[in-house]
Amino acid sequence: MNENEIYESIKQALLEAPRNQYTAELHLQMIKYADELKHITAKEFCEGVGLRLSFGTEFSKMRNLTQRLKASGLKTELL
């Protein structure tokens, strides 16, 4: 899956998320695609998905958290 396809997949998941689950879904998507998007900046992520730049901090946090989760056995490809 290329970068633009990932962005579109994330956008679709966010559109389908219940209103009270938007942020949780965003975090899940960030974790799911952290490895594929490890070469981009938080700003590029926000621009690609169409988010406010303030969400860049969340992207950075989730990318860091992903490494710890994977070390504990999480298989991000199953998300």
C-alpha atoms as a PDB file:
ATOM      1  CA  MET A   1       0.000   0.000   0.000  1.00  0.00           C
ATOM      2  CA  ASN A   2       1.493   3.370  -0.942  1.00  0.00           C
ATOM      3  CA  GLU A   3       1.404   6.508   1.181  1.00  0.00           C
ATOM      4  CA  ASN A   4      -1.625   8.043  -0.558  1.00  0.00           C
ATOM      5  CA  GLU A   5      -3.588   4.806  -0.212  1.00  0.00           C
ATOM      6  CA  ILE A   6      -2.774   4.754   3.493  1.00  0.00           C
ATOM      7  CA  TYR A   7      -4.007   8.328   3.894  1.00  0.00           C
ATOM      8  CA  GLU A   8      -7.243   7.466   2.093  1.00  0.00           C
ATOM      9  CA  SER A   9      -7.714   4.375   4.259  1.00  0.00           C
ATOM     10  CA  ILE A  10      -7.235   6.452   7.414  1.00  0.00           C
ATOM     11  CA  LYS A  11      -9.645   9.124   6.172  1.00  0.00           C
ATOM     12  CA  GLN A  12     -12.271   6.467   5.487  1.00  0.00           C
ATOM     13  CA  ALA A  13     -11.823   4.863   8.907  1.00  0.00           C
ATOM     14  CA  LEU A  14     -12.227   8.256  10.554  1.00  0.00           C
ATOM     15  CA  LEU A  15     -15.377   9.005   8.539  1.00  0.00           C
ATOM     16  CA  GLU A  16     -16.884   5.705   9.656  1.00  0.00           C
ATOM     17  CA  ALA A  17     -15.898   6.067  13.320  1.00  0.00           C
ATOM     18  CA  PRO A  18     -18.650   6.931  15.787  1.00  0.00           C
ATOM     19  CA  ARG A  19     -18.371  10.545  16.871  1.00  0.00           C
ATOM     20  CA  ASN A  20     -17.309   9.651  20.410  1.00  0.00           C
ATOM     21  CA  GLN A  21     -14.642   7.255  19.070  1.00  0.00           C
ATOM     22  CA  TYR A  22     -12.918   9.567  16.561  1.00  0.00           C
ATOM     23  CA  THR A  23      -9.738  10.111  18.591  1.00  0.00           C
ATOM     24  CA  ALA A  24      -9.466   6.445  19.555  1.00  0.00           C
ATOM     25  CA  GLU A  25      -9.828   5.469  15.889  1.00  0.00           C
ATOM     26  CA  LEU A  26      -7.214   8.042  14.898  1.00  0.00           C
ATOM     27  CA  HIS A  27      -4.766   6.606  17.425  1.00  0.00           C
ATOM     28  CA  LEU A  28      -5.475   3.072  16.232  1.00  0.00           C
ATOM     29  CA  GLN A  29      -4.860   4.048  12.610  1.00  0.00           C
ATOM     30  CA  MET A  30      -1.627   5.792  13.555  1.00  0.00           C
ATOM     31  CA  ILE A  31      -0.415   2.642  15.296  1.00  0.00           C
ATOM     32  CA  LYS A  32      -1.584   0.419  12.438  1.00  0.00           C
ATOM     33  CA  TYR A  33       0.423   2.324   9.826  1.00  0.00           C
ATOM     34  CA  ALA A  34       3.352   3.515  11.961  1.00  0.00           C
ATOM     35  CA  ASP A  35       5.897   1.299  10.203  1.00  0.00           C
ATOM     36  CA  GLU A  36       4.791   2.278   6.716  1.00  0.00           C
ATOM     37  CA  LEU A  37       4.862   5.975   7.643  1.00  0.00           C
ATOM     38  CA  LYS A  38       8.062   6.007   9.696  1.00  0.00           C
ATOM     39  CA  HIS A  39       9.868   8.051   7.038  1.00  0.00           C
ATOM     40  CA  ILE A  40       7.460  11.012   7.118  1.00  0.00           C
ATOM     41  CA  THR A  41       7.160  13.931   9.503  1.00  0.00           C
ATOM     42  CA  ALA A  42       4.196  14.565  11.744  1.00  0.00           C
ATOM     43  CA  LYS A  43       3.384  17.619   9.634  1.00  0.00           C
ATOM     44  CA  GLU A  44       3.351  15.526   6.457  1.00  0.00           C
ATOM     45  CA  PHE A  45       1.030  13.027   8.140  1.00  0.00           C
ATOM     46  CA  CYS A  46      -1.417  15.727   9.157  1.00  0.00           C
ATOM     47  CA  GLU A  47      -1.387  17.269   5.697  1.00  0.00           C
ATOM     48  CA  GLY A  48      -1.862  13.863   4.044  1.00  0.00           C
ATOM     49  CA  VAL A  49      -4.843  12.935   6.182  1.00  0.00           C
ATOM     50  CA  GLY A  50      -6.273  16.449   6.281  1.00  0.00           C
ATOM     51  CA  LEU A  51      -5.896  17.003  10.014  1.00  0.00           C
ATOM     52  CA  ARG A  52      -5.005  20.112  11.970  1.00  0.00           C
ATOM     53  CA  LEU A  53      -1.263  20.320  12.519  1.00  0.00           C
ATOM     54  CA  SER A  54      -1.846  20.037  16.265  1.00  0.00           C
ATOM     55  CA  PHE A  55      -2.515  16.317  15.705  1.00  0.00           C
ATOM     56  CA  GLY A  56       1.143  15.975  14.740  1.00  0.00           C
ATOM     57  CA  THR A  57       2.040  15.546  18.397  1.00  0.00           C
ATOM     58  CA  GLU A  58      -0.364  12.606  18.611  1.00  0.00           C
ATOM     59  CA  PHE A  59       1.214  11.049  15.524  1.00  0.00           C
ATOM     60  CA  SER A  60       4.666  11.269  17.105  1.00  0.00           C
ATOM     61  CA  LYS A  61       3.404   9.778  20.364  1.00  0.00           C
ATOM     62  CA  MET A  62       1.675   6.876  18.636  1.00  0.00           C
ATOM     63  CA  ARG A  63       4.706   6.129  16.469  1.00  0.00           C
ATOM     64  CA  ASN A  64       6.851   5.912  19.618  1.00  0.00           C
ATOM     65  CA  LEU A  65       4.236   3.862  21.441  1.00  0.00           C
ATOM     66  CA  THR A  66       4.022   1.434  18.527  1.00  0.00           C
ATOM     67  CA  GLN A  67       7.591   0.293  19.062  1.00  0.00           C
ATOM     68  CA  ARG A  68       6.861  -0.571  22.688  1.00  0.00           C
ATOM     69  CA  LEU A  69       3.613  -2.314  21.799  1.00  0.00           C
ATOM     70  CA  LYS A  70       5.339  -4.392  19.123  1.00  0.00           C
ATOM     71  CA  ALA A  71       8.083  -5.315  21.584  1.00  0.00           C
ATOM     72  CA  SER A  72       5.302  -6.635  23.837  1.00  0.00           C
ATOM     73  CA  GLY A  73       3.882  -8.769  21.054  1.00  0.00           C
ATOM     74  CA  LEU A  74       1.383  -6.564  19.207  1.00  0.00           C
ATOM     75  CA  LYS A  75       0.988  -7.537  15.586  1.00  0.00           C
ATOM     76  CA  THR A  76       0.035  -4.271  13.889  1.00  0.00           C
ATOM     77  CA  GLU A  77      -0.863  -6.097  10.664  1.00  0.00           C
ATOM     78  CA  LEU A  78      -3.848  -7.603  12.511  1.00  0.00           C
ATOM     79  CA  LEU A  79      -5.355  -4.232  13.389  1.00  0.00           C
END
